[in-house]
């Protein structure tokens, strides 16, 4: 398989973007001055392997369509390439790089060097064994977290979740902890860790604990090749990328565990709480098709009688399924995306739903969809994908009381900026239209400032997600 490509580093140099002096010469990513937001420092992160970029300080509309060609198109032509003629944009880029009359079609190709996941059945065996390791049993702390979300303690303990403890504790309690620690230091693995742009962010104990987990799985006959999250640390040893937190399985339509999402016990400096288990950037680590779509249901199979909901995040889907099963005892299925724009598997899933007799699906994305342009656009894109399979999508909204407050807040902001607005009589529709208007005019909305940082607050936390809303209703019924 081949693909058209121009190294994004060539485009960075062509555009004259200033690089951070702290960039590693052998790193898979580099930092540059963002040409869009004007934020001080090197805030744009450029993945030179996958040829994509990202800046957390940019407006939300700039945080999608972030490929190499879009970077060039936005800087040179003022718009992302998908809004223009991509072939002409590419031709212009080639000419600027000195490629002369090289056409879009005849551009030199490179071989696809991606490492793809193993078959779903292989992934299921590996992840099922991982989640069943006795020392990864769901912790009391994580059970309390699930109970706080509405599950009973019994239901929480019966979930297929597991807990990754502190690596030092795992090493101390593991019968082979001392032996593997000795191997680590005697074989110079510390140098490997320090020189790796990925592993250098972890402690040596994290690497050793990762090796211990991998060894236990291999002793059970588990094949780790092609399993996202695992990598080859030496010729004869594998390891798991060690992330402390609660592991949440991602399940395919057919019922195989095909991925793991970790809810970290602590967030990163960028505030990331959830992380898909990945060994991308590590030796023999899978590099493509890592984030899969989660599908769960409470009957033996999905049928024409099944109520199907689409949301974001496996944990959220599992909790919504729990509430709907418990409260309504309905035939329910949940489809959860790993990010609202990660819809690669949706066309295939939609085809399977159509074959099962499903004619309608309910979009249960967070209430962000009313005022967050990115989520709103993802909701529209999702609707188009299902319509191709003759499945109607109905967007769910809730919390009408807060919707009135949010609408009044945005109308006041529009009036303060002399922006005329004709109301529709529907609070949710008005919020969406106002959000579009304010975004186009680069006017901040739905934000608060905490410790000098701008934080988005599109909706109140207690009713933002459908799981939050069901939890609130449950508490009200108890009272």
Foldseek 3Di string as FASTA:
>chain_A
DKDFDDQLVLVCVLLVWAWDPPDDPPDQKTFTQDPPQRDPDRQKIARRVQQFIAGPNDAPVVGPLGHSLQSNCCSPPVGGCVVDPVQVSVQVVCVSSVVPRQGPVNHDIDDDPFQAADDLVLLQLLVLVLLPDPVFQADPVVLVVVVVLPDDSVVSNPASKTFQADLVVLLVPDPCSVVLVVVCVVVVLVVVQCPQPPSVVDDPSQFSSQQVSQVVSVVVVRDCQRHFQKAASDPPTIGGRGAGAMWDFAADLVGGRRWIKGQGPDADPVRDRIDTRGPPSHHSTGDPPRFDKHKDWDDPHDAQQEAEEEEADRVLQVLVRVLCCVPVVGGYMYIHGPDLQRCPCVLVVLLVNVVRNHAEYEYFYFLVLLQPVVNVVSVVVSQVSNVVSNHGYHYDDDDVVVLVVLLVQLVVVCVVVVHDDDDDPDSSNSNNVSNVVCVVVVHDDQWDADPNDIDHHSDDPCRGGPSSVSSVVVVVVVD
